[in-house]
């Protein structure tokens, strides 16, 4: 039975929504992630709109893997914190209604001092999201990488909830100086969504840089095999945040990964 499925983060394509959905289907994606903003914002997508969007995805044989929830400020910042929490909760409800039941949320760096103001704000925010998730049946997929997997796991284990989980992006960990494989293994059991994004540890400028999947330092055959070894059964969504021709990079990434996913998943 095939376990790993390939998807696309639609914002990577730089296309209007319907065109992006059609393109994802054309290149063989099985699912899509997109942000819960604009036409897909909770306050703009009523009951009829939610039903029509589900039907649109079905017409292209696509699943919604997760909704993204970009933030201008981190959840450890006190400014307008309660409105940000409520906005994420609205996206969580939307994700539930659309069938994904997962929301990808940026994860700030884990506080080193649990009594610092930043730590208290983050705990309040995560606790509120966890309570909402436990009630609604929606999972928060924290997009980590600013800490090692073991540090992030230790922090999340301090919450009595099953709703705070991980969206694992190997490039995030690599670019922040952490071994993505060690972090992946450390976070086994917490990972409910994964991004396929690649990076080089150092570029000509001396700093890490994102590159198309297959052109960086992530060993993708080993990464896919490790996902299998930890019994991950979810989506691997291709994401490209930089570059002059991101759509072509996504297309090439799909072809690259398709060479291996079936082989690894069937083993």
Protein backbone atom coordinates (compact mmCIF):
# COMPACT_ATOMS: atom_id res chain seq x y z
CA UNK A 1 0.00 0.00 0.00
CA UNK A 2 1.33 3.39 -0.99
CA UNK A 3 1.98 5.58 2.04
CA UNK A 4 3.64 8.78 0.90
CA UNK A 5 1.65 11.14 -1.32
CA UNK A 6 2.94 14.14 -3.21
CA UNK A 7 1.32 17.56 -2.97
CA UNK A 8 2.09 21.17 -3.76
CA UNK A 9 1.98 24.37 -1.73
CA UNK A 10 -0.08 26.39 -4.20
CA UNK A 11 1.51 29.75 -3.36
CA UNK A 12 4.74 28.37 -4.84
CA UNK A 13 3.20 28.40 -8.32
CA UNK A 14 2.48 32.13 -8.43
CA UNK A 15 -0.83 31.54 -10.23
CA UNK A 16 -4.44 32.56 -9.52
CA UNK A 17 -6.20 29.97 -7.37
CA UNK A 18 -8.14 28.04 -10.01
CA UNK A 19 -5.19 28.02 -12.40
CA UNK A 20 -2.91 26.83 -9.60
CA UNK A 21 -5.29 23.98 -8.75
CA UNK A 22 -5.52 22.96 -12.41
CA UNK A 23 -1.72 23.09 -12.79
CA UNK A 24 -1.18 20.99 -9.65
CA UNK A 25 -3.48 18.33 -11.07
CA UNK A 26 -1.81 18.45 -14.48
CA UNK A 27 1.66 17.71 -13.10
CA UNK A 28 0.44 14.80 -10.98
CA UNK A 29 -0.08 16.21 -7.50
CA UNK A 30 -2.48 14.30 -5.27
CA UNK A 31 -3.08 17.14 -2.83
CA UNK A 32 -2.58 20.85 -2.29
CA UNK A 33 -1.84 23.14 0.62
CA UNK A 34 -2.84 26.79 0.44
CA UNK A 35 -3.13 29.69 2.83
CA UNK A 36 -6.42 30.51 4.48
CA UNK A 37 -6.33 34.12 3.23
CA UNK A 38 -7.87 36.17 0.42
CA UNK A 39 -10.69 34.29 -1.31
CA UNK A 40 -10.09 31.37 1.07
CA UNK A 41 -10.20 33.48 4.23
CA UNK A 42 -12.71 32.13 6.77
CA UNK A 43 -14.79 35.33 6.74
CA UNK A 44 -15.05 35.28 2.94
CA UNK A 45 -15.88 31.62 2.46
CA UNK A 46 -19.37 30.88 3.74
CA UNK A 47 -21.12 27.53 3.84
CA UNK A 48 -21.90 27.61 0.10
CA UNK A 49 -18.37 28.70 -0.76
CA UNK A 50 -16.89 25.93 1.36
CA UNK A 51 -19.02 23.35 -0.38
CA UNK A 52 -18.08 24.74 -3.81
CA UNK A 53 -14.38 24.68 -2.93
CA UNK A 54 -14.57 21.04 -1.84
CA UNK A 55 -16.30 20.25 -5.13
CA UNK A 56 -13.63 22.15 -7.08
CA UNK A 57 -10.85 20.07 -5.55
CA UNK A 58 -12.78 16.85 -6.17
CA UNK A 59 -13.25 17.79 -9.83
CA UNK A 60 -9.45 17.76 -10.16
CA UNK A 61 -9.02 14.61 -8.03
CA UNK A 62 -7.15 16.60 -5.40
CA UNK A 63 -7.24 16.58 -1.61
CA UNK A 64 -6.65 19.55 0.66
CA UNK A 65 -3.60 18.52 2.69
CA UNK A 66 -3.64 21.50 5.07
CA UNK A 67 -4.37 25.20 5.28
CA UNK A 68 -1.48 27.56 5.91
CA UNK A 69 -1.79 30.40 8.36
CA UNK A 70 0.95 33.01 7.73
CA UNK A 71 1.54 35.48 10.56
CA UNK A 72 3.03 38.97 10.54
CA UNK A 73 4.13 38.52 14.16
CA UNK A 74 5.05 35.39 16.04
CA UNK A 75 2.86 33.84 18.68
CA UNK A 76 5.43 34.88 21.26
CA UNK A 77 4.76 38.58 20.57
CA UNK A 78 2.23 40.33 22.82
CA UNK A 79 1.03 42.85 20.23
CA UNK A 80 -2.48 41.90 19.02
CA UNK A 81 -1.91 38.37 20.29
CA UNK A 82 -5.54 37.56 21.04
CA UNK A 83 -6.75 38.58 17.55
CA UNK A 84 -3.98 36.42 16.03
CA UNK A 85 -5.07 33.46 18.12
CA UNK A 86 -8.69 33.96 17.08
CA UNK A 87 -7.66 34.27 13.43
CA UNK A 88 -5.81 30.95 13.59
CA UNK A 89 -8.79 29.34 15.30
CA UNK A 90 -11.04 30.54 12.46
CA UNK A 91 -8.67 28.95 9.94
CA UNK A 92 -8.68 25.78 12.03
CA UNK A 93 -12.47 25.63 11.80
CA UNK A 94 -12.27 26.25 8.07
CA UNK A 95 -9.72 23.45 7.68
CA UNK A 96 -12.10 21.14 9.51
CA UNK A 97 -15.02 22.13 7.27
CA UNK A 98 -12.92 21.60 4.13
CA UNK A 99 -11.79 18.16 5.27
CA UNK A 100 -8.08 18.76 5.86
CA UNK A 101 -8.24 19.19 9.67
CA UNK A 102 -4.66 20.50 9.67
CA UNK A 103 -3.34 24.06 9.85
CA UNK A 104 0.34 24.92 9.29
CA UNK A 105 1.42 27.67 11.70
CA UNK A 106 4.90 29.24 12.05
CA UNK A 107 6.64 28.08 15.22
CA UNK A 108 8.82 30.66 17.04
CA UNK A 109 12.12 29.69 18.58
CA UNK A 110 11.62 27.79 21.83
CA UNK A 111 12.14 30.14 24.83
CA UNK A 112 15.09 29.28 27.02
CA UNK A 113 13.64 31.04 30.08
CA UNK A 114 10.15 29.68 30.85
CA UNK A 115 9.35 32.74 32.96
CA UNK A 116 10.31 35.32 30.36
CA UNK A 117 7.50 37.40 28.91
CA UNK A 118 8.00 35.85 25.47
CA UNK A 119 7.69 32.36 26.94
CA UNK A 120 4.48 33.21 28.77
CA UNK A 121 2.89 34.71 25.66
CA UNK A 122 3.80 31.65 23.62
CA UNK A 123 2.42 29.29 26.26
CA UNK A 124 -0.86 31.22 26.36
CA UNK A 125 -1.14 31.09 22.57
CA UNK A 126 -0.26 27.41 22.21
CA UNK A 127 -2.57 26.48 25.08
CA UNK A 128 -5.49 28.33 23.50
CA UNK A 129 -4.86 26.70 20.10
CA UNK A 130 -4.50 23.28 21.72
CA UNK A 131 -7.80 23.61 23.57
CA UNK A 132 -9.55 24.68 20.38
CA UNK A 133 -7.94 21.85 18.45
CA UNK A 134 -8.93 19.26 21.03
CA UNK A 135 -12.55 20.48 20.89
CA UNK A 136 -12.78 20.86 17.12
CA UNK A 137 -10.74 17.87 16.00
CA UNK A 138 -8.25 20.02 14.10
CA UNK A 139 -4.47 19.72 14.39
CA UNK A 140 -1.94 22.55 14.53
CA UNK A 141 1.06 21.60 12.38
CA UNK A 142 3.83 23.82 13.77
CA UNK A 143 6.38 24.74 11.13
CA UNK A 144 9.60 24.33 13.10
CA UNK A 145 13.29 24.50 12.31
CA UNK A 146 14.55 27.30 14.56
CA UNK A 147 15.44 24.62 17.14
CA UNK A 148 16.64 21.05 16.91
CA UNK A 149 14.00 18.35 16.79
CA UNK A 150 14.86 17.14 20.29
CA UNK A 151 14.54 20.66 21.74
CA UNK A 152 11.20 21.18 20.01
CA UNK A 153 9.93 17.78 21.16
CA UNK A 154 10.89 18.48 24.78
CA UNK A 155 9.02 21.78 24.64
CA UNK A 156 5.87 20.31 23.09
CA UNK A 157 5.84 17.50 25.64
CA UNK A 158 5.12 20.19 28.22
CA UNK A 159 1.58 20.54 26.84
CA UNK A 160 -1.15 18.06 27.73
CA UNK A 161 -2.69 17.86 24.27
CA UNK A 162 -2.68 15.83 21.09
CA UNK A 163 -3.39 18.87 18.92
CA UNK A 164 0.08 20.44 18.77
CA UNK A 165 1.99 18.59 16.07
CA UNK A 166 4.69 19.25 13.47
CA UNK A 167 4.93 20.21 9.82
CA UNK A 168 8.42 18.97 9.00
CA UNK A 169 10.41 20.98 6.47
CA UNK A 170 13.95 19.56 6.17
CA UNK A 171 15.28 22.76 4.59
CA UNK A 172 14.21 24.79 7.64
CA UNK A 173 16.34 22.64 9.91
CA UNK A 174 19.29 22.48 7.51
CA UNK A 175 19.37 26.26 6.99
CA UNK A 176 19.35 26.85 10.74
CA UNK A 177 22.29 24.54 11.35
CA UNK A 178 20.48 21.40 12.51
CA UNK A 179 20.72 17.89 11.11
CA UNK A 180 17.33 17.29 9.44
CA UNK A 181 17.58 13.52 9.82
CA UNK A 182 18.31 13.67 13.55
CA UNK A 183 15.43 16.11 13.99
CA UNK A 184 13.11 13.98 11.90
CA UNK A 185 13.81 10.93 14.03
CA UNK A 186 13.50 12.92 17.25
CA UNK A 187 10.05 14.17 16.23
CA UNK A 188 8.67 10.81 15.13
CA UNK A 189 5.06 10.48 16.21
CA UNK A 190 4.56 14.26 16.14
CA UNK A 191 4.84 14.80 12.37
CA UNK A 192 1.49 15.08 10.57
CA UNK A 193 2.56 17.01 7.45
CA UNK A 194 5.81 17.51 5.57
CA UNK A 195 7.17 19.99 3.07
CA UNK A 196 9.58 19.05 0.30
CA UNK A 197 12.03 21.92 0.20
CA UNK A 198 15.76 21.81 -0.40
CA UNK A 199 18.71 24.02 0.56
CA UNK A 200 22.48 24.27 0.48
CA UNK A 201 24.31 24.73 3.75
CA UNK A 202 26.44 27.53 2.29
CA UNK A 203 26.21 29.56 -0.88
CA UNK A 204 28.62 31.95 -2.59
CA UNK A 205 27.49 34.56 -0.08
CA UNK A 206 28.49 32.29 2.79
CA UNK A 207 24.94 31.80 4.09
CA UNK A 208 22.50 28.91 3.54
CA UNK A 209 20.20 29.29 0.56
CA UNK A 210 17.03 27.58 -0.65
CA UNK A 211 17.36 25.73 -3.98
CA UNK A 212 15.07 23.51 -6.06
CA UNK A 213 14.45 20.02 -4.72
CA UNK A 214 17.30 17.75 -5.76
CA UNK A 215 19.85 20.56 -6.15
CA UNK A 216 20.71 20.94 -2.47
CA UNK A 217 22.19 19.04 0.44
CA UNK A 218 19.11 17.03 1.39
CA UNK A 219 19.60 13.37 0.48
CA UNK A 220 16.08 12.73 -0.76
CA UNK A 221 16.18 8.95 -1.11
CA UNK A 222 17.36 8.73 2.49
CA UNK A 223 14.77 11.32 3.58
CA UNK A 224 11.90 9.41 1.98
CA UNK A 225 13.16 6.16 3.46
CA UNK A 226 13.37 7.78 6.90
CA UNK A 227 9.79 9.01 6.60
CA UNK A 228 8.82 5.43 5.87
CA UNK A 229 10.86 4.12 8.80
CA UNK A 230 8.97 6.36 11.25
CA UNK A 231 5.67 5.22 9.70
CA UNK A 232 4.76 8.63 8.31
CA UNK A 233 1.69 8.22 6.10
CA UNK A 234 0.89 11.80 5.16
CA UNK A 235 1.67 14.23 2.39
CA UNK A 236 4.99 15.54 1.14
CA UNK A 237 4.12 18.97 -0.26
CA UNK A 238 6.57 20.62 -2.62
CA UNK A 239 7.30 24.22 -1.66
CA UNK A 240 9.47 26.85 -3.34
CA UNK A 241 9.74 30.17 -1.52
CA UNK A 242 12.45 31.85 -3.61
CA UNK A 243 13.80 31.79 -7.15
CA UNK A 244 13.12 33.51 -10.47
CA UNK A 245 11.04 30.69 -11.95
CA UNK A 246 9.37 28.96 -9.03
CA UNK A 247 6.69 27.27 -11.14
CA UNK A 248 9.29 25.52 -13.30
CA UNK A 249 11.18 24.55 -10.14
CA UNK A 250 8.02 23.00 -8.68
CA UNK A 251 7.39 21.08 -11.91
CA UNK A 252 10.95 19.76 -11.89
CA UNK A 253 10.68 18.86 -8.21
CA UNK A 254 7.54 16.83 -8.87
CA UNK A 255 9.32 14.87 -11.63
CA UNK A 256 12.36 14.36 -9.38
CA UNK A 257 10.39 13.06 -6.38
CA UNK A 258 8.04 10.94 -8.46
CA UNK A 259 11.07 8.84 -9.43
CA UNK A 260 11.48 7.72 -5.82
CA UNK A 261 8.21 7.98 -3.91
CA UNK A 262 6.55 4.97 -5.47
CA UNK A 263 9.64 2.81 -5.01
CA UNK A 264 10.21 3.78 -1.39
CA UNK A 265 6.54 3.74 -0.44
CA UNK A 266 6.00 0.30 -1.92
CA UNK A 267 8.94 -1.26 -0.08
